[in-house]
């Protein structure tokens, strides 16, 4: 994006390992005009964390890169599929356990919020747009408030029960390069919040995942049917101790290189291997 502002990114940790393998690296905003994308060997999508505000133009920018003949990581067809969180519905149909979800585009009002709480047998629910990033327009609700109607008037949305373990334990993230597991973290919200992103005060801890968590991650990734340069898989543990998929992040996930000292080098090596296979 043009300006990261308060967002935290550690992508720069991969630049030196890439240079040591012979790559020149430039960082360019996706909103830049008149870029000769054809002069690059590859373009890697990293921190366009404002794309949800302008998804059509974001996709047009990626189309220009693809049409230039330059390799795009991750591929445009994967970005298109992953752009709307309705991909979770497809994954669920293939047998992956996701956080229970209702999909909607009707007017949000007091009756609908009440119906969702009743459906999920939940005191609290989460509502967010199907195209979103960094928890923008994500709300934790005990009851309806009038602003919701206008916020979601022109947005398709998804509704889920609030998973209590988000605050009791945290959100698990597994990172994969070229389909191979790299590292894992646990993201926990600050006191009296539920958002685990760092810009909202979330706390990040490196962890060693259990075999059960790794199995859940592999099962989710297997549904893509191709190895990608990078992927992040997010889970929350339910009350029955099962891992429910929250997100399959394939567009612009933060990769948390700083949480694993070998991960920047591993990323650079995987990128080079993929380029050499062309």
Foldseek 3Di string as FASTA:
>chain_A
DVDCVLADADLVLLQVLLVVVPDDDDDDALPDPPDLLLVDQEDEFADNQCCLVPVVSSLVSLVVNVVSVHHYFPHSVVCVCQQFQCVVVVLVVVPAFAFDKDKFQDFDDQVVVVVVCVVQVAQWKWKDFRGHPQCVRIDIDNTDDVVSRVVRNPGIMMMGHDAVQCAVPAKKKWKDAQLHTDFIKGKHADPPDRRRRVSRPIDIATDDDDPLVVVSVSSSVVVVVGGGRMWMWMWGQHPVRHTHTHGTDRRHDRPPCVNPVCVSSVSSVSVVVVSVVD
